[in-house]
Amino acid sequence: MAFEHETPMEFAKKVLNTEWSMDFEDEDQSESDEDSNPFDSISEEGKDFVNQLIRSNPSDRLSATNAISHSWLKQKNDRGIFRRASSRALILNTARKNLKRIQARRRWRNAIHVVQATCKMNRLGRQASSARLQL
């Protein structure tokens, strides 16, 4: 998933190395479709547009002129009328919000796992202590 990370330092390293992807895999898919890939609503042309804009080497990135003339921004609807850029921006913004929600849920789930493991370790420690006292 795009810049999936556990710590801020790991995030910074991935950004600097442009190690990211629009692929998405959820380890424990929930019963709802809410956790589907947040990038599914973006067309391949849209993904190509974003990929060309965020390249680490500035000379490899789209120039402003080339970005404006990218085919994703010049899409027409079924009647041959150009779609407004705001509709495509809304799609990208929705994907961003969904991605943030999914990442927040993953952090929350990881925190719960840490608490559960800590509780289990405390329980095991108390059992071991009481077993030593009984001997």
C-alpha atoms as a PDB file:
ATOM      1  CA  MET A   1       0.000   0.000   0.000  1.00  0.00           C
ATOM      2  CA  ALA A   2       1.130   3.546  -0.532  1.00  0.00           C
ATOM      3  CA  PHE A   3       3.911   4.249   1.961  1.00  0.00           C
ATOM      4  CA  GLU A   4       2.711   1.620   4.431  1.00  0.00           C
ATOM      5  CA  HIS A   5       4.780   2.121   7.566  1.00  0.00           C
ATOM      6  CA  GLU A   6       4.950   1.457  11.285  1.00  0.00           C
ATOM      7  CA  THR A   7       7.068   4.394  12.472  1.00  0.00           C
ATOM      8  CA  PRO A   8       7.611   7.974  11.295  1.00  0.00           C
ATOM      9  CA  MET A   9      11.252   7.134  10.516  1.00  0.00           C
ATOM     10  CA  GLU A  10      10.190   4.199   8.341  1.00  0.00           C
ATOM     11  CA  PHE A  11       7.723   6.504   6.555  1.00  0.00           C
ATOM     12  CA  ALA A  12      10.442   9.097   5.898  1.00  0.00           C
ATOM     13  CA  LYS A  13      12.770   6.443   4.474  1.00  0.00           C
ATOM     14  CA  LYS A  14      10.061   5.123   2.166  1.00  0.00           C
ATOM     15  CA  VAL A  15       9.203   8.608   0.942  1.00  0.00           C
ATOM     16  CA  LEU A  16      12.852   9.410   0.242  1.00  0.00           C
ATOM     17  CA  ASN A  17      13.343   6.104  -1.589  1.00  0.00           C
ATOM     18  CA  THR A  18       9.928   6.348  -3.297  1.00  0.00           C
ATOM     19  CA  GLU A  19       9.094   2.844  -2.102  1.00  0.00           C
ATOM     20  CA  TRP A  20       5.374   2.893  -2.559  1.00  0.00           C
ATOM     21  CA  SER A  21       2.616   1.136  -4.408  1.00  0.00           C
ATOM     22  CA  MET A  22      -1.078   1.455  -5.128  1.00  0.00           C
ATOM     23  CA  ASP A  23      -1.503  -2.247  -4.393  1.00  0.00           C
ATOM     24  CA  PHE A  24      -3.412  -2.987  -1.241  1.00  0.00           C
ATOM     25  CA  GLU A  25      -3.669  -6.117   0.827  1.00  0.00           C
ATOM     26  CA  ASP A  26      -5.474  -6.317   4.138  1.00  0.00           C
ATOM     27  CA  GLU A  27      -4.274  -9.165   6.340  1.00  0.00           C
ATOM     28  CA  ASP A  28      -7.685  -9.760   7.862  1.00  0.00           C
ATOM     29  CA  GLN A  29     -10.294  -8.584   5.394  1.00  0.00           C
ATOM     30  CA  SER A  30     -13.355  -7.469   7.302  1.00  0.00           C
ATOM     31  CA  GLU A  31     -16.789  -8.686   6.401  1.00  0.00           C
ATOM     32  CA  SER A  32     -17.623  -5.380   4.728  1.00  0.00           C
ATOM     33  CA  ASP A  33     -16.229  -3.985   1.518  1.00  0.00           C
ATOM     34  CA  GLU A  34     -15.113  -0.821   3.343  1.00  0.00           C
ATOM     35  CA  ASP A  35     -11.508  -2.005   3.360  1.00  0.00           C
ATOM     36  CA  SER A  36     -11.277  -2.602  -0.353  1.00  0.00           C
ATOM     37  CA  ASN A  37      -8.345  -1.039  -2.152  1.00  0.00           C
ATOM     38  CA  PRO A  38      -8.765   2.736  -1.809  1.00  0.00           C
ATOM     39  CA  PHE A  39      -7.159   3.146  -5.232  1.00  0.00           C
ATOM     40  CA  ASP A  40      -9.707   0.963  -7.062  1.00  0.00           C
ATOM     41  CA  SER A  41     -11.809   4.018  -7.933  1.00  0.00           C
ATOM     42  CA  ILE A  42      -8.861   5.595  -9.759  1.00  0.00           C
ATOM     43  CA  SER A  43      -8.419   4.674 -13.410  1.00  0.00           C
ATOM     44  CA  GLU A  44      -5.121   3.360 -14.755  1.00  0.00           C
ATOM     45  CA  GLU A  45      -4.631   6.745 -16.449  1.00  0.00           C
ATOM     46  CA  GLY A  46      -5.144   8.457 -13.088  1.00  0.00           C
ATOM     47  CA  LYS A  47      -2.618   6.170 -11.417  1.00  0.00           C
ATOM     48  CA  ASP A  48      -0.155   6.853 -14.229  1.00  0.00           C
ATOM     49  CA  PHE A  49      -0.697  10.599 -13.765  1.00  0.00           C
ATOM     50  CA  VAL A  50       0.036  10.406 -10.022  1.00  0.00           C
ATOM     51  CA  ASN A  51       3.052   8.123 -10.562  1.00  0.00           C
ATOM     52  CA  GLN A  52       4.551  10.575 -13.040  1.00  0.00           C
ATOM     53  CA  LEU A  53       4.040  13.505 -10.652  1.00  0.00           C
ATOM     54  CA  ILE A  54       5.725  11.980  -7.596  1.00  0.00           C
ATOM     55  CA  ARG A  55       8.946  10.657  -9.058  1.00  0.00           C
ATOM     56  CA  SER A  56      11.953  11.342  -6.833  1.00  0.00           C
ATOM     57  CA  ASN A  57      14.160  12.685  -9.621  1.00  0.00           C
ATOM     58  CA  PRO A  58      12.784  16.092 -10.657  1.00  0.00           C
ATOM     59  CA  SER A  59      13.942  15.622 -14.252  1.00  0.00           C
ATOM     60  CA  ASP A  60      11.803  12.450 -14.471  1.00  0.00           C
ATOM     61  CA  ARG A  61       8.633  14.191 -13.207  1.00  0.00           C
ATOM     62  CA  LEU A  62       5.956  15.657 -15.424  1.00  0.00           C
ATOM     63  CA  SER A  63       6.446  19.344 -16.078  1.00  0.00           C
ATOM     64  CA  ALA A  64       3.483  21.625 -15.435  1.00  0.00           C
ATOM     65  CA  THR A  65       2.865  21.850 -19.185  1.00  0.00           C
ATOM     66  CA  ASN A  66       2.963  18.069 -19.617  1.00  0.00           C
ATOM     67  CA  ALA A  67       0.804  17.554 -16.526  1.00  0.00           C
ATOM     68  CA  ILE A  68      -1.899  19.849 -17.881  1.00  0.00           C
ATOM     69  CA  SER A  69      -1.911  17.979 -21.172  1.00  0.00           C
ATOM     70  CA  HIS A  70      -1.956  14.497 -19.574  1.00  0.00           C
ATOM     71  CA  SER A  71      -4.731  12.302 -20.984  1.00  0.00           C
ATOM     72  CA  TRP A  72      -6.278  11.782 -17.534  1.00  0.00           C
ATOM     73  CA  LEU A  73      -7.026  15.495 -17.267  1.00  0.00           C
ATOM     74  CA  LYS A  74      -8.428  15.595 -20.783  1.00  0.00           C
ATOM     75  CA  GLN A  75     -10.965  12.770 -20.378  1.00  0.00           C
ATOM     76  CA  LYS A  76     -14.354  13.145 -21.993  1.00  0.00           C
ATOM     77  CA  ASN A  77     -17.618  11.710 -20.774  1.00  0.00           C
ATOM     78  CA  ASP A  78     -20.031   9.594 -22.858  1.00  0.00           C
ATOM     79  CA  ARG A  79     -21.391  12.692 -24.633  1.00  0.00           C
ATOM     80  CA  GLY A  80     -17.944  13.907 -25.646  1.00  0.00           C
ATOM     81  CA  ILE A  81     -17.872  16.686 -23.090  1.00  0.00           C
ATOM     82  CA  PHE A  82     -14.678  17.167 -21.104  1.00  0.00           C
ATOM     83  CA  ARG A  83     -15.073  16.129 -17.496  1.00  0.00           C
ATOM     84  CA  ARG A  84     -14.234  18.741 -14.925  1.00  0.00           C
ATOM     85  CA  ALA A  85     -10.943  18.343 -13.111  1.00  0.00           C
ATOM     86  CA  SER A  86     -12.836  18.760  -9.842  1.00  0.00           C
ATOM     87  CA  SER A  87     -14.509  15.367 -10.325  1.00  0.00           C
ATOM     88  CA  ARG A  88     -11.119  13.680 -10.709  1.00  0.00           C
ATOM     89  CA  ALA A  89      -9.745  15.626  -7.757  1.00  0.00           C
ATOM     90  CA  LEU A  90     -12.702  14.378  -5.716  1.00  0.00           C
ATOM     91  CA  ILE A  91     -11.832  10.781  -6.659  1.00  0.00           C
ATOM     92  CA  LEU A  92      -8.218  11.283  -5.531  1.00  0.00           C
ATOM     93  CA  ASN A  93      -9.318  12.988  -2.324  1.00  0.00           C
ATOM     94  CA  THR A  94     -11.748  10.161  -1.539  1.00  0.00           C
ATOM     95  CA  ALA A  95      -8.984   7.599  -2.091  1.00  0.00           C
ATOM     96  CA  ARG A  96      -6.707   9.590   0.242  1.00  0.00           C
ATOM     97  CA  LYS A  97      -9.372   9.724   2.963  1.00  0.00           C
ATOM     98  CA  ASN A  98     -10.067   5.990   2.636  1.00  0.00           C
ATOM     99  CA  LEU A  99      -6.367   5.227   2.839  1.00  0.00           C
ATOM    100  CA  LYS A 100      -5.987   7.335   6.003  1.00  0.00           C
ATOM    101  CA  ARG A 101      -8.990   5.583   7.581  1.00  0.00           C
ATOM    102  CA  ILE A 102      -7.567   2.154   6.770  1.00  0.00           C
ATOM    103  CA  GLN A 103      -4.121   3.092   8.115  1.00  0.00           C
ATOM    104  CA  ALA A 104      -5.676   4.459  11.333  1.00  0.00           C
ATOM    105  CA  ARG A 105      -7.631   1.230  11.805  1.00  0.00           C
ATOM    106  CA  ARG A 106      -4.437  -0.796  11.282  1.00  0.00           C
ATOM    107  CA  ARG A 107      -2.586   1.276  13.893  1.00  0.00           C
ATOM    108  CA  TRP A 108      -5.496   0.809  16.314  1.00  0.00           C
ATOM    109  CA  ARG A 109      -5.555  -2.949  15.656  1.00  0.00           C
ATOM    110  CA  ASN A 110      -1.775  -3.155  16.227  1.00  0.00           C
ATOM    111  CA  ALA A 111      -2.140  -1.254  19.507  1.00  0.00           C
ATOM    112  CA  ILE A 112      -4.823  -3.699  20.630  1.00  0.00           C
ATOM    113  CA  HIS A 113      -2.517  -6.625  19.807  1.00  0.00           C
ATOM    114  CA  VAL A 114       0.250  -5.051  21.906  1.00  0.00           C
ATOM    115  CA  VAL A 115      -2.100  -4.639  24.886  1.00  0.00           C
ATOM    116  CA  GLN A 116      -3.333  -8.233  24.522  1.00  0.00           C
ATOM    117  CA  ALA A 117       0.229  -9.573  24.363  1.00  0.00           C
ATOM    118  CA  THR A 118       1.244  -7.487  27.386  1.00  0.00           C
ATOM    119  CA  CYS A 119      -1.714  -8.777  29.404  1.00  0.00           C
ATOM    120  CA  LYS A 120      -0.911 -12.354  28.461  1.00  0.00           C
ATOM    121  CA  MET A 121       2.757 -11.907  29.422  1.00  0.00           C
ATOM    122  CA  ASN A 122       1.715 -10.433  32.802  1.00  0.00           C
ATOM    123  CA  ARG A 123      -0.640 -13.354  33.399  1.00  0.00           C
ATOM    124  CA  LEU A 124       2.063 -15.873  32.527  1.00  0.00           C
ATOM    125  CA  GLY A 125       4.535 -14.060  34.790  1.00  0.00           C
ATOM    126  CA  ARG A 126       2.122 -14.170  37.726  1.00  0.00           C
ATOM    127  CA  GLN A 127       1.440 -17.883  37.133  1.00  0.00           C
ATOM    128  CA  ALA A 128       5.174 -18.625  37.060  1.00  0.00           C
ATOM    129  CA  SER A 129       5.710 -16.646  40.283  1.00  0.00           C
ATOM    130  CA  SER A 130       2.892 -18.423  42.096  1.00  0.00           C
ATOM    131  CA  ALA A 131       4.167 -21.801  40.897  1.00  0.00           C
ATOM    132  CA  ARG A 132       7.633 -21.006  42.332  1.00  0.00           C
ATOM    133  CA  LEU A 133       6.091 -19.939  45.651  1.00  0.00           C
ATOM    134  CA  GLN A 134       4.199 -23.212  45.932  1.00  0.00           C
ATOM    135  CA  LEU A 135       7.387 -25.226  45.550  1.00  0.00           C
END
